[in-house]
């Protein structure tokens, strides 16, 4: 419990040492940097989402083709078994 109280006191002391004002130029740079990061992150997220959707669509098509191929194989095998049992 004492360690929590000590951390709380140190945090309070640190907060008092932090500057209250910042230069307008610095503020502009910070805001511009934040907006650029958000824009980049948003664009990156949109690109990744599109890429993910395209990859998922390809995988679904491949799965459907595989399923169709397997179904056709079993139908052919069934037909061959019928032919062999009839002869």
PDB file of N, CA and C in Angstrom:
ATOM      1  N   UNK A   1       0.829  -1.189   0.000  1.00  0.00           N
ATOM      2  CA  UNK A   1       0.000   0.000   0.000  1.00  0.00           C
ATOM      3  C   UNK A   1       0.872   1.250   0.000  1.00  0.00           C
ATOM      4  N   UNK A   2       2.000   1.177   0.730  1.00  0.00           N
ATOM      5  CA  UNK A   2       2.905   2.330   0.797  1.00  0.00           C
ATOM      6  C   UNK A   2       3.504   2.641  -0.565  1.00  0.00           C
ATOM      7  N   UNK A   3       3.760   1.607  -1.367  1.00  0.00           N
ATOM      8  CA  UNK A   3       4.354   1.850  -2.684  1.00  0.00           C
ATOM      9  C   UNK A   3       3.379   2.598  -3.584  1.00  0.00           C
ATOM     10  N   UNK A   4       2.092   2.320  -3.441  1.00  0.00           N
ATOM     11  CA  UNK A   4       1.094   3.047  -4.231  1.00  0.00           C
ATOM     12  C   UNK A   4       1.035   4.512  -3.813  1.00  0.00           C
ATOM     13  N   UNK A   5       1.123   4.741  -2.503  1.00  0.00           N
ATOM     14  CA  UNK A   5       1.080   6.117  -1.999  1.00  0.00           C
ATOM     15  C   UNK A   5       2.305   6.879  -2.481  1.00  0.00           C
ATOM     16  N   UNK A   6       3.457   6.208  -2.471  1.00  0.00           N
ATOM     17  CA  UNK A   6       4.701   6.847  -2.935  1.00  0.00           C
ATOM     18  C   UNK A   6       4.630   7.185  -4.413  1.00  0.00           C
ATOM     19  N   UNK A   7       4.080   6.290  -5.195  1.00  0.00           N
ATOM     20  CA  UNK A   7       3.931   6.551  -6.636  1.00  0.00           C
ATOM     21  C   UNK A   7       2.977   7.710  -6.878  1.00  0.00           C
ATOM     22  N   UNK A   8       1.920   7.737  -6.101  1.00  0.00           N
ATOM     23  CA  UNK A   8       0.951   8.826  -6.231  1.00  0.00           C
ATOM     24  C   UNK A   8       1.602  10.169  -5.922  1.00  0.00           C
ATOM     25  N   UNK A   9       2.405  10.211  -4.876  1.00  0.00           N
ATOM     26  CA  UNK A   9       3.079  11.450  -4.501  1.00  0.00           C
ATOM     27  C   UNK A   9       4.086  11.866  -5.569  1.00  0.00           C
ATOM     28  N   UNK A  10       4.828  10.911  -6.112  1.00  0.00           N
ATOM     29  CA  UNK A  10       5.807  11.226  -7.164  1.00  0.00           C
ATOM     30  C   UNK A  10       5.103  11.734  -8.417  1.00  0.00           C
ATOM     31  N   UNK A  11       3.954  11.130  -8.761  1.00  0.00           N
ATOM     32  CA  UNK A  11       3.196  11.579  -9.936  1.00  0.00           C
ATOM     33  C   UNK A  11       2.689  12.997  -9.729  1.00  0.00           C
ATOM     34  N   UNK A  12       2.239  13.299  -8.527  1.00  0.00           N
ATOM     35  CA  UNK A  12       1.758  14.649  -8.221  1.00  0.00           C
ATOM     36  C   UNK A  12       2.897  15.652  -8.331  1.00  0.00           C
ATOM     37  N   UNK A  13       4.077  15.298  -7.845  1.00  0.00           N
ATOM     38  CA  UNK A  13       5.227  16.183  -7.922  1.00  0.00           C
ATOM     39  C   UNK A  13       5.655  16.393  -9.378  1.00  0.00           C
ATOM     40  N   UNK A  14       5.656  15.336 -10.163  1.00  0.00           N
ATOM     41  CA  UNK A  14       6.020  15.438 -11.581  1.00  0.00           C
ATOM     42  C   UNK A  14       5.053  16.355 -12.315  1.00  0.00           C
ATOM     43  N   UNK A  15       3.777  16.227 -12.027  1.00  0.00           N
ATOM     44  CA  UNK A  15       2.771  17.058 -12.691  1.00  0.00           C
ATOM     45  C   UNK A  15       3.018  18.529 -12.418  1.00  0.00           C
ATOM     46  N   UNK A  16       3.477  18.855 -11.236  1.00  0.00           N
ATOM     47  CA  UNK A  16       3.758  20.253 -10.885  1.00  0.00           C
ATOM     48  C   UNK A  16       4.952  20.780 -11.667  1.00  0.00           C
ATOM     49  N   UNK A  17       5.867  19.894 -12.051  1.00  0.00           N
ATOM     50  CA  UNK A  17       7.072  20.300 -12.789  1.00  0.00           C
ATOM     51  C   UNK A  17       6.819  20.462 -14.287  1.00  0.00           C
ATOM     52  N   UNK A  18       5.724  19.939 -14.787  1.00  0.00           N
ATOM     53  CA  UNK A  18       5.444  20.014 -16.215  1.00  0.00           C
ATOM     54  C   UNK A  18       5.038  21.417 -16.618  1.00  0.00           C
ATOM     55  N   UNK A  19       5.393  21.821 -17.852  1.00  0.00           N
ATOM     56  CA  UNK A  19       5.012  23.177 -18.282  1.00  0.00           C
ATOM     57  C   UNK A  19       3.507  23.285 -18.483  1.00  0.00           C
ATOM     58  N   UNK A  20       2.979  24.447 -18.144  1.00  0.00           N
ATOM     59  CA  UNK A  20       1.539  24.675 -18.289  1.00  0.00           C
ATOM     60  C   UNK A  20       1.240  25.231 -19.672  1.00  0.00           C
ATOM     61  N   UNK A  21       2.157  26.054 -20.217  1.00  0.00           N
ATOM     62  CA  UNK A  21       1.942  26.677 -21.518  1.00  0.00           C
ATOM     63  C   UNK A  21       2.920  26.076 -22.529  1.00  0.00           C
ATOM     64  N   UNK A  22       2.488  26.101 -23.802  1.00  0.00           N
ATOM     65  CA  UNK A  22       3.401  25.736 -24.873  1.00  0.00           C
ATOM     66  C   UNK A  22       3.315  26.800 -25.953  1.00  0.00           C
ATOM     67  N   UNK A  23       4.363  26.945 -26.675  1.00  0.00           N
ATOM     68  CA  UNK A  23       4.433  27.919 -27.761  1.00  0.00           C
ATOM     69  C   UNK A  23       3.423  27.547 -28.851  1.00  0.00           C
ATOM     70  N   UNK A  24       2.834  28.537 -29.494  1.00  0.00           N
ATOM     71  CA  UNK A  24       1.834  28.288 -30.537  1.00  0.00           C
ATOM     72  C   UNK A  24       2.422  27.479 -31.681  1.00  0.00           C
ATOM     73  N   UNK A  25       3.675  27.730 -32.015  1.00  0.00           N
ATOM     74  CA  UNK A  25       4.328  26.966 -33.089  1.00  0.00           C
ATOM     75  C   UNK A  25       4.466  25.502 -32.724  1.00  0.00           C
ATOM     76  N   UNK A  26       4.813  25.236 -31.464  1.00  0.00           N
ATOM     77  CA  UNK A  26       4.931  23.868 -30.989  1.00  0.00           C
ATOM     78  C   UNK A  26       3.559  23.192 -31.015  1.00  0.00           C
ATOM     79  N   UNK A  27       2.548  23.927 -30.582  1.00  0.00           N
ATOM     80  CA  UNK A  27       1.188  23.377 -30.590  1.00  0.00           C
ATOM     81  C   UNK A  27       0.758  23.034 -32.008  1.00  0.00           C
ATOM     82  N   UNK A  28       1.066  23.926 -32.946  1.00  0.00           N
ATOM     83  CA  UNK A  28       0.719  23.674 -34.348  1.00  0.00           C
ATOM     84  C   UNK A  28       1.429  22.425 -34.854  1.00  0.00           C
ATOM     85  N   UNK A  29       2.710  22.283 -34.521  1.00  0.00           N
ATOM     86  CA  UNK A  29       3.469  21.103 -34.939  1.00  0.00           C
ATOM     87  C   UNK A  29       2.881  19.827 -34.346  1.00  0.00           C
ATOM     88  N   UNK A  30       2.495  19.893 -33.079  1.00  0.00           N
ATOM     89  CA  UNK A  30       1.914  18.718 -32.421  1.00  0.00           C
ATOM     90  C   UNK A  30       0.599  18.338 -33.084  1.00  0.00           C
ATOM     91  N   UNK A  31      -0.252  19.323 -33.322  1.00  0.00           N
ATOM     92  CA  UNK A  31      -1.559  19.051 -33.938  1.00  0.00           C
ATOM     93  C   UNK A  31      -1.385  18.516 -35.356  1.00  0.00           C
ATOM     94  N   UNK A  32      -0.477  19.134 -36.119  1.00  0.00           N
ATOM     95  CA  UNK A  32      -0.215  18.672 -37.489  1.00  0.00           C
ATOM     96  C   UNK A  32       0.291  17.238 -37.478  1.00  0.00           C
ATOM     97  N   UNK A  33       1.183  16.946 -36.544  1.00  0.00           N
ATOM     98  CA  UNK A  33       1.732  15.595 -36.434  1.00  0.00           C
ATOM     99  C   UNK A  33       0.631  14.596 -36.098  1.00  0.00           C
ATOM    100  N   UNK A  34      -0.232  14.950 -35.154  1.00  0.00           N
ATOM    101  CA  UNK A  34      -1.333  14.062 -34.769  1.00  0.00           C
ATOM    102  C   UNK A  34      -2.271  13.828 -35.948  1.00  0.00           C
ATOM    103  N   UNK A  35      -2.618  14.904 -36.661  1.00  0.00           N
ATOM    104  CA  UNK A  35      -3.531  14.769 -37.805  1.00  0.00           C
ATOM    105  C   UNK A  35      -2.892  13.917 -38.897  1.00  0.00           C
ATOM    106  N   UNK A  36      -1.602  14.107 -39.134  1.00  0.00           N
ATOM    107  CA  UNK A  36      -0.905  13.297 -40.135  1.00  0.00           C
ATOM    108  C   UNK A  36      -0.890  11.836 -39.756  1.00  0.00           C
ATOM    109  N   UNK A  37      -0.669  11.566 -38.482  1.00  0.00           N
ATOM    110  CA  UNK A  37      -0.666  10.187 -38.001  1.00  0.00           C
ATOM    111  C   UNK A  37      -2.042   9.571 -38.153  1.00  0.00           C
ATOM    112  N   UNK A  38      -3.072  10.323 -37.794  1.00  0.00           N
ATOM    113  CA  UNK A  38      -4.429   9.796 -37.925  1.00  0.00           C
ATOM    114  C   UNK A  38      -4.786   9.540 -39.375  1.00  0.00           C
ATOM    115  N   UNK A  39      -4.391  10.468 -40.258  1.00  0.00           N
ATOM    116  CA  UNK A  39      -4.678  10.314 -41.681  1.00  0.00           C
ATOM    117  C   UNK A  39      -3.955   9.091 -42.227  1.00  0.00           C
ATOM    118  N   UNK A  40      -2.698   8.951 -41.862  1.00  0.00           N
ATOM    119  CA  UNK A  40      -1.904   7.810 -42.333  1.00  0.00           C
ATOM    120  C   UNK A  40      -2.477   6.512 -41.794  1.00  0.00           C
ATOM    121  N   UNK A  41      -2.840   6.507 -40.532  1.00  0.00           N
ATOM    122  CA  UNK A  41      -3.405   5.298 -39.923  1.00  0.00           C
ATOM    123  C   UNK A  41      -4.735   4.940 -40.567  1.00  0.00           C
ATOM    124  N   UNK A  42      -5.558   5.953 -40.817  1.00  0.00           N
ATOM    125  CA  UNK A  42      -6.853   5.698 -41.446  1.00  0.00           C
ATOM    126  C   UNK A  42      -6.693   5.157 -42.847  1.00  0.00           C
ATOM    127  N   UNK A  43      -5.774   5.739 -43.605  1.00  0.00           N
ATOM    128  CA  UNK A  43      -5.526   5.264 -44.969  1.00  0.00           C
ATOM    129  C   UNK A  43      -4.967   3.846 -44.947  1.00  0.00           C
ATOM    130  N   UNK A  44      -4.039   3.623 -44.033  1.00  0.00           N
ATOM    131  CA  UNK A  44      -3.453   2.280 -43.919  1.00  0.00           C
ATOM    132  C   UNK A  44      -4.497   1.247 -43.545  1.00  0.00           C
ATOM    133  N   UNK A  45      -5.381   1.628 -42.627  1.00  0.00           N
ATOM    134  CA  UNK A  45      -6.441   0.713 -42.215  1.00  0.00           C
ATOM    135  C   UNK A  45      -7.364   0.405 -43.382  1.00  0.00           C
ATOM    136  N   UNK A  46      -7.724   1.434 -44.154  1.00  0.00           N
ATOM    137  CA  UNK A  46      -8.603   1.225 -45.313  1.00  0.00           C
ATOM    138  C   UNK A  46      -7.933   0.332 -46.345  1.00  0.00           C
ATOM    139  N   UNK A  47      -6.646   0.568 -46.595  1.00  0.00           N
ATOM    140  CA  UNK A  47      -5.917  -0.263 -47.564  1.00  0.00           C
ATOM    141  C   UNK A  47      -5.847  -1.710 -47.097  1.00  0.00           C
ATOM    142  N   UNK A  48      -5.524  -1.901 -45.824  1.00  0.00           N
ATOM    143  CA  UNK A  48      -5.433  -3.260 -45.288  1.00  0.00           C
ATOM    144  C   UNK A  48      -6.790  -3.958 -45.308  1.00  0.00           C
ATOM    145  N   UNK A  49      -7.846  -3.198 -45.018  1.00  0.00           N
ATOM    146  CA  UNK A  49      -9.189  -3.779 -45.036  1.00  0.00           C
ATOM    147  C   UNK A  49      -9.552  -4.241 -46.441  1.00  0.00           C
ATOM    148  N   UNK A  50      -9.225  -3.413 -47.437  1.00  0.00           N
ATOM    149  CA  UNK A  50      -9.504  -3.774 -48.825  1.00  0.00           C
ATOM    150  C   UNK A  50      -8.703  -5.006 -49.213  1.00  0.00           C
ATOM    151  N   UNK A  51      -7.429  -5.019 -48.841  1.00  0.00           N
ATOM    152  CA  UNK A  51      -6.564  -6.167 -49.144  1.00  0.00           C
ATOM    153  C   UNK A  51      -7.100  -7.428 -48.473  1.00  0.00           C
ATOM    154  N   UNK A  52      -7.524  -7.302 -47.218  1.00  0.00           N
ATOM    155  CA  UNK A  52      -8.076  -8.439 -46.489  1.00  0.00           C
ATOM    156  C   UNK A  52      -9.329  -8.966 -47.174  1.00  0.00           C
ATOM    157  N   UNK A  53     -10.211  -8.054 -47.599  1.00  0.00           N
ATOM    158  CA  UNK A  53     -11.450  -8.454 -48.271  1.00  0.00           C
ATOM    159  C   UNK A  53     -11.150  -9.171 -49.585  1.00  0.00           C
ATOM    160  N   UNK A  54     -10.175  -8.652 -50.335  1.00  0.00           N
ATOM    161  CA  UNK A  54      -9.809  -9.292 -51.603  1.00  0.00           C
ATOM    162  C   UNK A  54      -9.231 -10.686 -51.367  1.00  0.00           C
ATOM    163  N   UNK A  55      -8.357 -10.811 -50.377  1.00  0.00           N
ATOM    164  CA  UNK A  55      -7.773 -12.117 -50.063  1.00  0.00           C
ATOM    165  C   UNK A  55      -8.840 -13.106 -49.600  1.00  0.00           C
ATOM    166  N   UNK A  56      -9.769 -12.620 -48.813  1.00  0.00           N
ATOM    167  CA  UNK A  56     -10.855 -13.476 -48.336  1.00  0.00           C
ATOM    168  C   UNK A  56     -11.718 -13.953 -49.503  1.00  0.00           C
ATOM    169  N   UNK A  57     -11.985 -13.056 -50.430  1.00  0.00           N
ATOM    170  CA  UNK A  57     -12.781 -13.419 -51.605  1.00  0.00           C
ATOM    171  C   UNK A  57     -12.059 -14.487 -52.434  1.00  0.00           C
ATOM    172  N   UNK A  58     -10.744 -14.331 -52.613  1.00  0.00           N
ATOM    173  CA  UNK A  58      -9.960 -15.329 -53.350  1.00  0.00           C
ATOM    174  C   UNK A  58     -10.020 -16.681 -52.646  1.00  0.00           C
ATOM    175  N   UNK A  59      -9.850 -16.673 -51.323  1.00  0.00           N
ATOM    176  CA  UNK A  59      -9.891 -17.924 -50.565  1.00  0.00           C
ATOM    177  C   UNK A  59     -11.262 -18.598 -50.669  1.00  0.00           C
ATOM    178  N   UNK A  60     -12.314 -17.802 -50.620  1.00  0.00           N
ATOM    179  CA  UNK A  60     -13.661 -18.374 -50.740  1.00  0.00           C
ATOM    180  C   UNK A  60     -13.880 -18.997 -52.112  1.00  0.00           C
ATOM    181  N   UNK A  61     -13.393 -18.324 -53.149  1.00  0.00           N
ATOM    182  CA  UNK A  61     -13.517 -18.881 -54.503  1.00  0.00           C
ATOM    183  C   UNK A  61     -12.733 -20.184 -54.615  1.00  0.00           C
ATOM    184  N   UNK A  62     -11.519 -20.201 -54.067  1.00  0.00           N
ATOM    185  CA  UNK A  62     -10.709 -21.419 -54.104  1.00  0.00           C
ATOM    186  C   UNK A  62     -11.400 -22.550 -53.353  1.00  0.00           C
ATOM    187  N   UNK A  63     -11.983 -22.218 -52.213  1.00  0.00           N
ATOM    188  CA  UNK A  63     -12.685 -23.237 -51.434  1.00  0.00           C
ATOM    189  C   UNK A  63     -13.871 -23.781 -52.220  1.00  0.00           C
ATOM    190  N   UNK A  64     -14.619 -22.886 -52.855  1.00  0.00           N
ATOM    191  CA  UNK A  64     -15.781 -23.306 -53.641  1.00  0.00           C
ATOM    192  C   UNK A  64     -15.330 -24.189 -54.795  1.00  0.00           C
ATOM    193  N   UNK A  65     -14.247 -23.799 -55.476  1.00  0.00           N
ATOM    194  CA  UNK A  65     -13.729 -24.613 -56.576  1.00  0.00           C
ATOM    195  C   UNK A  65     -13.279 -25.975 -56.070  1.00  0.00           C
ATOM    196  N   UNK A  66     -12.619 -25.998 -54.925  1.00  0.00           N
ATOM    197  CA  UNK A  66     -12.172 -27.269 -54.351  1.00  0.00           C
ATOM    198  C   UNK A  66     -13.370 -28.139 -53.988  1.00  0.00           C
ATOM    199  N   UNK A  67     -14.373 -27.512 -53.408  1.00  0.00           N
ATOM    200  CA  UNK A  67     -15.578 -28.246 -53.024  1.00  0.00           C
ATOM    201  C   UNK A  67     -16.274 -28.803 -54.262  1.00  0.00           C
ATOM    202  N   UNK A  68     -16.365 -27.981 -55.310  1.00  0.00           N
ATOM    203  CA  UNK A  68     -16.994 -28.434 -56.553  1.00  0.00           C
ATOM    204  C   UNK A  68     -16.205 -29.587 -57.166  1.00  0.00           C
ATOM    205  N   UNK A  69     -14.879 -29.479 -57.153  1.00  0.00           N
ATOM    206  CA  UNK A  69     -14.027 -30.536 -57.699  1.00  0.00           C
ATOM    207  C   UNK A  69     -14.223 -31.833 -56.924  1.00  0.00           C
ATOM    208  N   UNK A  70     -14.243 -31.738 -55.600  1.00  0.00           N
ATOM    209  CA  UNK A  70     -14.431 -32.927 -54.768  1.00  0.00           C
ATOM    210  C   UNK A  70     -15.808 -33.539 -55.018  1.00  0.00           C
ATOM    211  N   UNK A  71     -16.830 -32.694 -55.139  1.00  0.00           N
ATOM    212  CA  UNK A  71     -18.184 -33.188 -55.397  1.00  0.00           C
ATOM    213  C   UNK A  71     -18.229 -33.926 -56.733  1.00  0.00           C
ATOM    214  N   UNK A  72     -17.611 -33.334 -57.750  1.00  0.00           N
ATOM    215  CA  UNK A  72     -17.579 -33.974 -59.070  1.00  0.00           C
ATOM    216  C   UNK A  72     -16.842 -35.304 -59.022  1.00  0.00           C
ATOM    217  N   UNK A  73     -15.770 -35.364 -58.257  1.00  0.00           N
ATOM    218  CA  UNK A  73     -15.005 -36.602 -58.122  1.00  0.00           C
ATOM    219  C   UNK A  73     -15.885 -37.700 -57.512  1.00  0.00           C
ATOM    220  N   UNK A  74     -16.612 -37.372 -56.445  1.00  0.00           N
ATOM    221  CA  UNK A  74     -17.457 -38.377 -55.799  1.00  0.00           C
ATOM    222  C   UNK A  74     -18.623 -38.788 -56.685  1.00  0.00           C
ATOM    223  N   UNK A  75     -19.158 -37.864 -57.456  1.00  0.00           N
ATOM    224  CA  UNK A  75     -20.238 -38.211 -58.383  1.00  0.00           C
ATOM    225  C   UNK A  75     -19.713 -39.175 -59.440  1.00  0.00           C
ATOM    226  N   UNK A  76     -18.539 -38.897 -59.985  1.00  0.00           N
ATOM    227  CA  UNK A  76     -17.931 -39.785 -60.982  1.00  0.00           C
ATOM    228  C   UNK A  76     -17.643 -41.157 -60.375  1.00  0.00           C
ATOM    229  N   UNK A  77     -17.111 -41.157 -59.153  1.00  0.00           N
ATOM    230  CA  UNK A  77     -16.803 -42.435 -58.487  1.00  0.00           C
ATOM    231  C   UNK A  77     -18.083 -43.229 -58.260  1.00  0.00           C
ATOM    232  N   UNK A  78     -19.146 -42.546 -57.864  1.00  0.00           N
ATOM    233  CA  UNK A  78     -20.435 -43.207 -57.648  1.00  0.00           C
ATOM    234  C   UNK A  78     -20.949 -43.797 -58.961  1.00  0.00           C
ATOM    235  N   UNK A  79     -20.853 -43.023 -60.047  1.00  0.00           N
ATOM    236  CA  UNK A  79     -21.296 -43.507 -61.358  1.00  0.00           C
ATOM    237  C   UNK A  79     -20.472 -44.709 -61.808  1.00  0.00           C
ATOM    238  N   UNK A  80     -19.183 -44.667 -61.567  1.00  0.00           N
ATOM    239  CA  UNK A  80     -18.308 -45.796 -61.951  1.00  0.00           C
ATOM    240  C   UNK A  80     -18.669 -47.049 -61.147  1.00  0.00           C
ATOM    241  N   UNK A  81     -18.946 -46.864 -59.866  1.00  0.00           N
ATOM    242  CA  UNK A  81     -19.335 -48.018 -59.040  1.00  0.00           C
ATOM    243  C   UNK A  81     -20.659 -48.613 -59.531  1.00  0.00           C
ATOM    244  N   UNK A  82     -21.588 -47.758 -59.918  1.00  0.00           N
ATOM    245  CA  UNK A  82     -22.867 -48.245 -60.459  1.00  0.00           C
ATOM    246  C   UNK A  82     -22.638 -49.026 -61.733  1.00  0.00           C
ATOM    247  N   UNK A  83     -21.787 -48.502 -62.619  1.00  0.00           N
ATOM    248  CA  UNK A  83     -21.507 -49.168 -63.895  1.00  0.00           C
ATOM    249  C   UNK A  83     -20.849 -50.527 -63.651  1.00  0.00           C
ATOM    250  N   UNK A  84     -19.891 -50.553 -62.721  1.00  0.00           N
ATOM    251  CA  UNK A  84     -19.202 -51.813 -62.445  1.00  0.00           C
ATOM    252  C   UNK A  84     -20.113 -52.836 -61.798  1.00  0.00           C
ATOM    253  N   UNK A  85     -21.010 -52.377 -60.941  1.00  0.00           N
ATOM    254  CA  UNK A  85     -21.926 -53.319 -60.279  1.00  0.00           C
ATOM    255  C   UNK A  85     -23.006 -53.804 -61.252  1.00  0.00           C
ATOM    256  N   UNK A  86     -23.320 -53.013 -62.285  1.00  0.00           N
ATOM    257  CA  UNK A  86     -24.321 -53.418 -63.269  1.00  0.00           C
ATOM    258  C   UNK A  86     -23.738 -54.442 -64.234  1.00  0.00           C
ATOM    259  N   UNK A  87     -22.459 -54.367 -64.499  1.00  0.00           N
ATOM    260  CA  UNK A  87     -21.887 -55.281 -65.484  1.00  0.00           C
ATOM    261  C   UNK A  87     -21.463 -56.582 -64.920  1.00  0.00           C
TER     262      UNK A  87
END
